[in-house]
């Protein structure tokens, strides 16, 4: 019998933030690797039927991840994340943006400041995520675009990846 993993998703309109607390049935080393390795991110980051394709990734403070979410019709929606802080296997933050394939930011779309914190208890990893927006209008725009639904699907993709990897590593 599958046990339900913790998934809390809260919107705070006063602070223009989304707070997510998500539990994964894997150790922090494997979960951290899944969030910070482009070949693995490509396997789970996009909600199906979309897929993620990384053009480049430099996971370091001051580095950038440039990637596309690709539709089944092969339409590419480019994004980039500029990494701000990294504390290995504990936390990282970065400023995400919609952009073109060269990383030129689309200023008509909201940017997201992501802060992800990782902790492990009894072989399960908890990821605490805060996604902050410059304004309430930006937060509401992202929510209307289906952020909760898409991110929920992506995290379920990550569950599947971690389950597969856990079996392979036993």
N, C-alpha and C. Protein backbone atom coordinates (compact mmCIF):
# COMPACT_ATOMS: atom_id res chain seq x y z
N UNK A 1 0.84 -1.19 0.00
CA UNK A 1 0.00 0.00 0.00
C UNK A 1 0.88 1.25 0.00
N UNK A 2 0.58 2.17 -0.91
CA UNK A 2 1.34 3.42 -0.98
C UNK A 2 0.93 4.35 0.15
N UNK A 3 1.92 4.97 0.76
CA UNK A 3 1.60 5.97 1.77
C UNK A 3 1.61 7.34 1.11
N UNK A 4 0.71 8.18 1.57
CA UNK A 4 0.62 9.53 1.01
C UNK A 4 1.81 10.36 1.50
N UNK A 5 2.46 11.02 0.56
CA UNK A 5 3.57 11.90 0.89
C UNK A 5 3.05 13.31 1.09
N UNK A 6 3.66 14.02 2.02
CA UNK A 6 3.21 15.37 2.32
C UNK A 6 3.34 16.28 1.11
N UNK A 7 2.28 17.03 0.86
CA UNK A 7 2.28 18.04 -0.19
C UNK A 7 1.39 19.18 0.27
N UNK A 8 2.00 20.27 0.66
CA UNK A 8 1.27 21.48 1.06
C UNK A 8 1.56 22.56 0.03
N UNK A 9 0.52 23.22 -0.44
CA UNK A 9 0.64 24.28 -1.43
C UNK A 9 -0.20 25.45 -0.94
N UNK A 10 0.45 26.56 -0.58
CA UNK A 10 -0.25 27.70 0.00
C UNK A 10 0.11 28.97 -0.76
N UNK A 11 -0.88 29.77 -1.06
CA UNK A 11 -0.67 31.06 -1.71
C UNK A 11 -0.87 32.15 -0.67
N UNK A 12 0.10 33.07 -0.58
CA UNK A 12 0.00 34.20 0.34
C UNK A 12 -0.02 35.47 -0.51
N UNK A 13 -1.21 36.02 -0.69
CA UNK A 13 -1.35 37.20 -1.54
C UNK A 13 -0.70 38.43 -0.93
N UNK A 14 -0.65 38.51 0.40
CA UNK A 14 -0.05 39.68 1.05
C UNK A 14 1.45 39.78 0.77
N UNK A 15 2.14 38.63 0.73
CA UNK A 15 3.59 38.63 0.50
C UNK A 15 3.96 38.26 -0.93
N UNK A 16 2.94 38.01 -1.78
CA UNK A 16 3.14 37.66 -3.20
C UNK A 16 3.95 36.37 -3.33
N UNK A 17 3.65 35.40 -2.49
CA UNK A 17 4.43 34.16 -2.48
C UNK A 17 3.55 32.92 -2.59
N UNK A 18 4.19 31.87 -3.09
CA UNK A 18 3.65 30.53 -3.04
C UNK A 18 4.59 29.73 -2.16
N UNK A 19 4.02 29.01 -1.20
CA UNK A 19 4.81 28.16 -0.32
C UNK A 19 4.44 26.71 -0.60
N UNK A 20 5.45 25.90 -0.85
CA UNK A 20 5.24 24.48 -1.10
C UNK A 20 6.12 23.70 -0.15
N UNK A 21 5.53 22.71 0.51
CA UNK A 21 6.32 21.76 1.29
C UNK A 21 5.99 20.39 0.71
N UNK A 22 7.03 19.73 0.23
CA UNK A 22 6.83 18.46 -0.48
C UNK A 22 7.77 17.41 0.08
N UNK A 23 7.24 16.24 0.36
CA UNK A 23 8.00 15.11 0.87
C UNK A 23 8.29 14.15 -0.28
N UNK A 24 9.51 13.62 -0.28
CA UNK A 24 9.90 12.63 -1.28
C UNK A 24 10.45 11.40 -0.56
N UNK A 25 10.13 10.23 -1.10
CA UNK A 25 10.55 8.97 -0.50
C UNK A 25 11.94 8.59 -1.02
N UNK A 26 12.92 9.43 -0.62
CA UNK A 26 14.31 9.20 -1.03
C UNK A 26 15.20 10.06 -0.15
N UNK A 27 16.47 9.68 -0.07
CA UNK A 27 17.43 10.45 0.70
C UNK A 27 17.75 11.78 0.05
N UNK A 28 18.28 12.70 0.86
CA UNK A 28 18.55 14.05 0.37
C UNK A 28 19.58 14.06 -0.76
N UNK A 29 20.53 13.12 -0.74
CA UNK A 29 21.54 13.10 -1.80
C UNK A 29 20.90 12.87 -3.17
N UNK A 30 19.95 11.95 -3.26
CA UNK A 30 19.28 11.64 -4.52
C UNK A 30 18.33 12.78 -4.93
N UNK A 31 17.61 13.35 -3.98
CA UNK A 31 16.68 14.44 -4.28
C UNK A 31 17.45 15.68 -4.72
N UNK A 32 18.53 15.99 -4.01
CA UNK A 32 19.37 17.14 -4.39
C UNK A 32 19.90 16.97 -5.81
N UNK A 33 20.39 15.77 -6.11
CA UNK A 33 20.92 15.47 -7.44
C UNK A 33 19.84 15.70 -8.51
N UNK A 34 18.61 15.31 -8.20
CA UNK A 34 17.51 15.46 -9.16
C UNK A 34 17.17 16.92 -9.43
N UNK A 35 17.39 17.80 -8.46
CA UNK A 35 17.09 19.22 -8.62
C UNK A 35 18.24 20.00 -9.22
N UNK A 36 19.42 19.41 -9.30
CA UNK A 36 20.61 20.18 -9.67
C UNK A 36 21.41 19.61 -10.84
N UNK A 37 20.94 18.55 -11.45
CA UNK A 37 21.63 17.90 -12.56
C UNK A 37 20.77 18.01 -13.82
N UNK A 38 21.28 18.65 -14.87
CA UNK A 38 20.42 18.91 -16.04
C UNK A 38 19.83 17.65 -16.68
N UNK A 39 20.61 16.59 -16.77
CA UNK A 39 20.10 15.37 -17.40
C UNK A 39 18.93 14.79 -16.60
N UNK A 40 18.92 15.01 -15.30
CA UNK A 40 17.83 14.51 -14.47
C UNK A 40 16.65 15.49 -14.50
N UNK A 41 16.94 16.78 -14.39
CA UNK A 41 15.87 17.79 -14.49
C UNK A 41 15.07 17.61 -15.79
N UNK A 42 15.77 17.29 -16.87
CA UNK A 42 15.10 17.09 -18.15
C UNK A 42 14.08 15.95 -18.09
N UNK A 43 14.25 15.03 -17.15
CA UNK A 43 13.34 13.89 -17.04
C UNK A 43 12.07 14.18 -16.24
N UNK A 44 12.08 15.28 -15.45
CA UNK A 44 10.91 15.47 -14.60
C UNK A 44 10.36 16.90 -14.51
N UNK A 45 11.12 17.92 -14.85
CA UNK A 45 10.72 19.29 -14.58
C UNK A 45 9.43 19.73 -15.29
N UNK A 46 9.22 19.33 -16.51
CA UNK A 46 8.03 19.76 -17.26
C UNK A 46 6.84 18.86 -16.97
N UNK A 47 5.65 19.47 -16.83
CA UNK A 47 4.46 18.63 -16.68
C UNK A 47 4.13 17.95 -18.00
N UNK A 48 3.80 16.67 -17.93
CA UNK A 48 3.45 15.93 -19.15
C UNK A 48 2.18 16.53 -19.76
N UNK A 49 2.07 16.60 -21.05
CA UNK A 49 2.87 15.95 -22.08
C UNK A 49 4.09 16.77 -22.51
N UNK A 50 4.37 17.88 -21.84
CA UNK A 50 5.57 18.66 -22.16
C UNK A 50 6.81 17.91 -21.70
N UNK A 51 7.94 18.30 -22.23
CA UNK A 51 9.23 17.76 -21.79
C UNK A 51 10.21 18.93 -21.65
N UNK A 52 11.24 18.73 -20.88
CA UNK A 52 12.25 19.76 -20.67
C UNK A 52 13.50 19.39 -21.46
N UNK A 53 14.10 20.39 -22.09
CA UNK A 53 15.37 20.22 -22.79
C UNK A 53 16.30 21.33 -22.29
N UNK A 54 17.40 20.92 -21.69
CA UNK A 54 18.39 21.89 -21.20
C UNK A 54 19.32 22.28 -22.33
N UNK A 55 19.48 23.58 -22.54
CA UNK A 55 20.46 24.08 -23.50
C UNK A 55 21.82 24.24 -22.82
N UNK A 56 21.80 24.78 -21.59
CA UNK A 56 23.04 24.90 -20.82
C UNK A 56 22.70 25.02 -19.34
N UNK A 57 23.63 24.56 -18.50
CA UNK A 57 23.46 24.69 -17.06
C UNK A 57 24.82 24.83 -16.41
N UNK A 58 24.92 25.85 -15.57
CA UNK A 58 26.12 26.11 -14.79
C UNK A 58 25.64 26.28 -13.35
N UNK A 59 25.55 25.14 -12.64
CA UNK A 59 25.00 25.16 -11.28
C UNK A 59 26.07 25.62 -10.30
N UNK A 60 26.12 26.93 -10.15
CA UNK A 60 26.99 27.58 -9.17
C UNK A 60 26.40 28.95 -8.90
N UNK A 61 26.80 29.56 -7.79
CA UNK A 61 26.34 30.92 -7.51
C UNK A 61 26.80 31.82 -8.65
N UNK A 62 25.86 32.54 -9.25
CA UNK A 62 26.15 33.36 -10.41
C UNK A 62 25.97 32.63 -11.73
N UNK A 63 25.73 31.33 -11.68
CA UNK A 63 25.52 30.53 -12.89
C UNK A 63 24.08 30.58 -13.35
N UNK A 64 23.82 29.96 -14.49
CA UNK A 64 22.49 30.00 -15.11
C UNK A 64 22.11 28.64 -15.66
N UNK A 65 20.82 28.34 -15.57
CA UNK A 65 20.23 27.18 -16.25
C UNK A 65 19.32 27.74 -17.33
N UNK A 66 19.58 27.41 -18.59
CA UNK A 66 18.78 27.83 -19.73
C UNK A 66 18.14 26.57 -20.32
N UNK A 67 16.80 26.57 -20.36
CA UNK A 67 16.09 25.36 -20.78
C UNK A 67 14.80 25.73 -21.49
N UNK A 68 14.26 24.76 -22.19
CA UNK A 68 12.97 24.94 -22.86
C UNK A 68 12.01 23.88 -22.37
N UNK A 69 10.76 24.29 -22.23
CA UNK A 69 9.68 23.33 -22.06
C UNK A 69 9.09 23.17 -23.46
N UNK A 70 9.09 21.92 -23.93
CA UNK A 70 8.74 21.63 -25.31
C UNK A 70 7.39 20.90 -25.35
N UNK A 71 6.48 21.46 -26.14
CA UNK A 71 5.13 20.87 -26.26
C UNK A 71 5.18 19.64 -27.17
N UNK A 72 4.10 18.86 -27.16
CA UNK A 72 4.03 17.71 -28.08
C UNK A 72 4.12 18.15 -29.55
N UNK A 73 3.75 19.40 -29.86
CA UNK A 73 3.84 19.92 -31.23
C UNK A 73 5.22 20.54 -31.50
N UNK A 74 6.14 20.38 -30.54
CA UNK A 74 7.52 20.86 -30.63
C UNK A 74 7.65 22.39 -30.50
N UNK A 75 6.63 23.04 -29.90
CA UNK A 75 6.75 24.46 -29.57
C UNK A 75 7.64 24.57 -28.34
N UNK A 76 8.59 25.50 -28.38
CA UNK A 76 9.53 25.65 -27.26
C UNK A 76 9.21 26.92 -26.47
N UNK A 77 9.08 26.75 -25.16
CA UNK A 77 8.86 27.85 -24.24
C UNK A 77 10.12 27.95 -23.38
N UNK A 78 10.94 28.98 -23.66
CA UNK A 78 12.25 29.10 -23.04
C UNK A 78 12.17 29.76 -21.66
N UNK A 79 13.03 29.29 -20.77
CA UNK A 79 13.13 29.83 -19.42
C UNK A 79 14.60 29.81 -19.00
N UNK A 80 14.91 30.64 -18.02
CA UNK A 80 16.25 30.59 -17.45
C UNK A 80 16.14 30.84 -15.96
N UNK A 81 17.08 30.28 -15.25
CA UNK A 81 17.18 30.48 -13.80
C UNK A 81 18.58 30.96 -13.51
N UNK A 82 18.69 32.15 -12.92
CA UNK A 82 19.98 32.70 -12.50
C UNK A 82 20.18 32.34 -11.03
N UNK A 83 21.17 31.48 -10.76
CA UNK A 83 21.39 31.00 -9.40
C UNK A 83 22.01 32.09 -8.53
N UNK A 84 21.43 32.30 -7.35
CA UNK A 84 21.92 33.31 -6.40
C UNK A 84 22.77 32.68 -5.31
N UNK A 85 22.18 31.74 -4.56
CA UNK A 85 22.89 31.11 -3.44
C UNK A 85 22.79 29.60 -3.57
N UNK A 86 23.85 28.92 -3.12
CA UNK A 86 23.86 27.46 -3.10
C UNK A 86 24.57 27.00 -1.83
N UNK A 87 23.89 26.18 -1.05
CA UNK A 87 24.48 25.52 0.12
C UNK A 87 24.24 24.02 -0.13
N UNK A 88 25.25 23.30 -0.64
CA UNK A 88 25.06 21.93 -1.12
C UNK A 88 24.26 21.04 -0.17
N UNK A 89 23.26 20.38 -0.75
CA UNK A 89 22.33 19.46 -0.12
C UNK A 89 21.49 20.10 0.98
N UNK A 90 21.52 21.44 1.08
CA UNK A 90 20.70 22.14 2.07
C UNK A 90 19.76 23.16 1.43
N UNK A 91 20.27 23.97 0.49
CA UNK A 91 19.39 24.98 -0.11
C UNK A 91 20.02 25.59 -1.35
N UNK A 92 19.17 26.15 -2.18
CA UNK A 92 19.63 27.02 -3.26
C UNK A 92 18.50 27.97 -3.62
N UNK A 93 18.90 29.11 -4.20
CA UNK A 93 17.92 30.08 -4.64
C UNK A 93 18.32 30.60 -6.01
N UNK A 94 17.32 31.09 -6.72
CA UNK A 94 17.59 31.64 -8.04
C UNK A 94 16.39 32.41 -8.56
N UNK A 95 16.66 33.27 -9.52
CA UNK A 95 15.63 34.11 -10.13
C UNK A 95 15.31 33.54 -11.51
N UNK A 96 14.07 33.07 -11.65
CA UNK A 96 13.60 32.41 -12.86
C UNK A 96 12.90 33.42 -13.76
N UNK A 97 12.98 33.22 -15.07
CA UNK A 97 12.34 34.13 -16.02
C UNK A 97 11.97 33.38 -17.29
N UNK A 98 10.92 33.84 -17.94
CA UNK A 98 10.65 33.42 -19.30
C UNK A 98 11.60 34.22 -20.19
N UNK A 99 12.08 33.60 -21.26
CA UNK A 99 13.09 34.25 -22.10
C UNK A 99 13.04 33.68 -23.50
N UNK A 100 14.01 34.09 -24.33
CA UNK A 100 14.15 33.47 -25.64
C UNK A 100 15.27 32.43 -25.57
N UNK A 101 15.56 31.80 -26.70
CA UNK A 101 16.56 30.72 -26.69
C UNK A 101 17.97 31.19 -26.38
N UNK A 102 18.19 32.51 -26.38
CA UNK A 102 19.49 33.06 -26.02
C UNK A 102 19.54 33.60 -24.60
N UNK A 103 18.44 33.41 -23.86
CA UNK A 103 18.40 33.86 -22.47
C UNK A 103 17.98 35.31 -22.30
N UNK A 104 17.52 35.96 -23.38
CA UNK A 104 17.04 37.34 -23.28
C UNK A 104 15.66 37.31 -22.63
N UNK A 105 15.53 37.99 -21.49
CA UNK A 105 14.32 37.92 -20.66
C UNK A 105 13.12 38.58 -21.33
N UNK A 106 11.98 37.91 -21.22
CA UNK A 106 10.70 38.45 -21.67
C UNK A 106 10.15 39.29 -20.52
N UNK A 107 10.27 40.60 -20.63
CA UNK A 107 9.90 41.50 -19.53
C UNK A 107 8.39 41.63 -19.35
N UNK A 108 7.59 41.08 -20.26
CA UNK A 108 6.14 41.14 -20.10
C UNK A 108 5.62 39.99 -19.22
N UNK A 109 6.52 39.08 -18.85
CA UNK A 109 6.14 37.94 -18.01
C UNK A 109 6.76 38.08 -16.62
N UNK A 110 6.08 37.56 -15.60
CA UNK A 110 6.61 37.65 -14.23
C UNK A 110 7.89 36.84 -14.06
N UNK A 111 8.75 37.33 -13.16
CA UNK A 111 9.93 36.57 -12.73
C UNK A 111 9.63 35.99 -11.36
N UNK A 112 10.25 34.86 -11.08
CA UNK A 112 10.03 34.16 -9.82
C UNK A 112 11.35 34.02 -9.08
N UNK A 113 11.38 34.45 -7.83
CA UNK A 113 12.54 34.20 -6.97
C UNK A 113 12.25 32.93 -6.19
N UNK A 114 12.97 31.87 -6.55
CA UNK A 114 12.80 30.56 -5.91
C UNK A 114 13.80 30.41 -4.78
N UNK A 115 13.34 29.92 -3.64
CA UNK A 115 14.21 29.50 -2.55
C UNK A 115 13.79 28.09 -2.18
N UNK A 116 14.70 27.13 -2.34
CA UNK A 116 14.43 25.72 -2.08
C UNK A 116 15.32 25.24 -0.94
N UNK A 117 14.70 24.71 0.11
CA UNK A 117 15.44 24.19 1.25
C UNK A 117 15.16 22.70 1.39
N UNK A 118 16.22 21.92 1.63
CA UNK A 118 16.14 20.47 1.68
C UNK A 118 16.48 19.98 3.09
N UNK A 119 15.71 19.01 3.59
CA UNK A 119 16.03 18.37 4.87
C UNK A 119 15.59 16.91 4.79
N UNK A 120 16.28 16.08 5.55
CA UNK A 120 15.99 14.64 5.52
C UNK A 120 15.62 14.16 6.91
N UNK A 121 14.55 13.33 6.96
CA UNK A 121 14.12 12.69 8.19
C UNK A 121 13.73 11.26 7.86
N UNK A 122 14.36 10.31 8.54
CA UNK A 122 14.03 8.89 8.37
C UNK A 122 14.02 8.44 6.91
N UNK A 123 15.00 8.88 6.14
CA UNK A 123 15.12 8.45 4.75
C UNK A 123 14.20 9.16 3.78
N UNK A 124 13.40 10.09 4.27
CA UNK A 124 12.55 10.90 3.41
C UNK A 124 13.09 12.31 3.37
N UNK A 125 13.02 12.93 2.20
CA UNK A 125 13.50 14.30 2.04
C UNK A 125 12.30 15.23 1.91
N UNK A 126 12.41 16.34 2.62
CA UNK A 126 11.40 17.40 2.56
C UNK A 126 12.02 18.59 1.84
N UNK A 127 11.31 19.08 0.83
CA UNK A 127 11.76 20.27 0.12
C UNK A 127 10.75 21.38 0.43
N UNK A 128 11.26 22.45 1.02
CA UNK A 128 10.45 23.62 1.34
C UNK A 128 10.77 24.67 0.27
N UNK A 129 9.75 25.07 -0.46
CA UNK A 129 9.93 25.98 -1.59
C UNK A 129 9.14 27.26 -1.33
N UNK A 130 9.81 28.39 -1.55
CA UNK A 130 9.11 29.66 -1.56
C UNK A 130 9.35 30.27 -2.94
N UNK A 131 8.26 30.56 -3.63
CA UNK A 131 8.31 31.24 -4.93
C UNK A 131 7.73 32.64 -4.71
N UNK A 132 8.59 33.65 -4.85
CA UNK A 132 8.19 35.03 -4.56
C UNK A 132 8.11 35.84 -5.85
N UNK A 133 7.07 36.67 -5.92
CA UNK A 133 6.81 37.50 -7.09
C UNK A 133 6.87 38.97 -6.71
N UNK A 134 7.25 39.84 -7.65
CA UNK A 134 7.37 41.27 -7.35
C UNK A 134 6.05 41.93 -6.98
N UNK A 135 4.92 41.39 -7.47
CA UNK A 135 3.64 42.04 -7.23
C UNK A 135 2.53 40.99 -7.13
N UNK A 136 1.41 41.40 -6.57
CA UNK A 136 0.24 40.54 -6.51
C UNK A 136 -0.24 40.20 -7.92
N UNK A 137 -0.20 41.16 -8.82
CA UNK A 137 -0.62 40.91 -10.21
C UNK A 137 0.24 39.82 -10.84
N UNK A 138 1.55 39.83 -10.59
CA UNK A 138 2.44 38.79 -11.13
C UNK A 138 2.10 37.43 -10.55
N UNK A 139 1.88 37.39 -9.24
CA UNK A 139 1.50 36.13 -8.58
C UNK A 139 0.20 35.60 -9.19
N UNK A 140 -0.79 36.46 -9.31
CA UNK A 140 -2.08 36.02 -9.85
C UNK A 140 -1.97 35.57 -11.30
N UNK A 141 -1.12 36.21 -12.08
CA UNK A 141 -0.92 35.82 -13.48
C UNK A 141 -0.35 34.40 -13.56
N UNK A 142 0.64 34.10 -12.73
CA UNK A 142 1.26 32.77 -12.74
C UNK A 142 0.26 31.71 -12.27
N UNK A 143 -0.52 32.02 -11.26
CA UNK A 143 -1.52 31.08 -10.78
C UNK A 143 -2.55 30.82 -11.88
N UNK A 144 -2.99 31.87 -12.59
CA UNK A 144 -3.95 31.71 -13.68
C UNK A 144 -3.38 30.89 -14.84
N UNK A 145 -2.07 30.95 -15.01
CA UNK A 145 -1.41 30.17 -16.07
C UNK A 145 -1.34 28.68 -15.73
N UNK A 146 -1.76 28.30 -14.51
CA UNK A 146 -1.77 26.89 -14.13
C UNK A 146 -0.55 26.44 -13.36
N UNK A 147 0.10 27.36 -12.64
CA UNK A 147 1.32 27.01 -11.90
C UNK A 147 1.10 25.83 -10.95
N UNK A 148 0.03 25.86 -10.16
CA UNK A 148 -0.18 24.78 -9.19
C UNK A 148 -0.33 23.44 -9.89
N UNK A 149 -1.16 23.41 -10.91
CA UNK A 149 -1.41 22.14 -11.61
C UNK A 149 -0.14 21.63 -12.29
N UNK A 150 0.57 22.52 -12.99
CA UNK A 150 1.79 22.12 -13.69
C UNK A 150 2.89 21.68 -12.74
N UNK A 151 3.08 22.43 -11.65
CA UNK A 151 4.13 22.09 -10.70
C UNK A 151 3.80 20.79 -9.97
N UNK A 152 2.53 20.57 -9.67
CA UNK A 152 2.10 19.32 -9.04
C UNK A 152 2.43 18.14 -9.95
N UNK A 153 2.15 18.27 -11.23
CA UNK A 153 2.46 17.20 -12.18
C UNK A 153 3.97 16.96 -12.27
N UNK A 154 4.75 18.03 -12.28
CA UNK A 154 6.21 17.88 -12.35
C UNK A 154 6.73 17.15 -11.11
N UNK A 155 6.22 17.51 -9.94
CA UNK A 155 6.67 16.84 -8.71
C UNK A 155 6.27 15.37 -8.71
N UNK A 156 5.16 15.04 -9.31
CA UNK A 156 4.79 13.63 -9.46
C UNK A 156 5.75 12.92 -10.41
N UNK A 157 6.20 13.62 -11.46
CA UNK A 157 7.24 13.05 -12.33
C UNK A 157 8.50 12.75 -11.52
N UNK A 158 8.84 13.67 -10.62
CA UNK A 158 10.02 13.47 -9.77
C UNK A 158 9.82 12.26 -8.87
N UNK A 159 8.64 12.08 -8.31
CA UNK A 159 8.36 10.88 -7.51
C UNK A 159 8.68 9.61 -8.30
N UNK A 160 8.22 9.57 -9.54
CA UNK A 160 8.44 8.40 -10.38
C UNK A 160 9.94 8.19 -10.62
N UNK A 161 10.65 9.26 -10.94
CA UNK A 161 12.09 9.16 -11.15
C UNK A 161 12.78 8.62 -9.89
N UNK A 162 12.45 9.18 -8.74
CA UNK A 162 13.10 8.77 -7.49
C UNK A 162 12.78 7.31 -7.15
N UNK A 163 11.55 6.90 -7.40
CA UNK A 163 11.17 5.50 -7.15
C UNK A 163 12.00 4.56 -8.02
N UNK A 164 12.14 4.92 -9.29
CA UNK A 164 12.93 4.11 -10.22
C UNK A 164 14.39 4.04 -9.78
N UNK A 165 14.95 5.20 -9.42
CA UNK A 165 16.35 5.25 -9.01
C UNK A 165 16.59 4.50 -7.69
N UNK A 166 15.66 4.61 -6.77
CA UNK A 166 15.80 3.91 -5.49
C UNK A 166 15.87 2.40 -5.71
N UNK A 167 15.05 1.90 -6.63
CA UNK A 167 15.06 0.46 -6.93
C UNK A 167 16.37 0.07 -7.59
N UNK A 168 16.89 0.92 -8.50
CA UNK A 168 18.13 0.60 -9.19
C UNK A 168 19.34 0.62 -8.24
N UNK A 169 19.28 1.46 -7.23
CA UNK A 169 20.42 1.61 -6.32
C UNK A 169 20.42 0.63 -5.17
N UNK A 170 19.37 -0.18 -5.05
CA UNK A 170 19.31 -1.16 -3.95
C UNK A 170 20.13 -2.38 -4.26
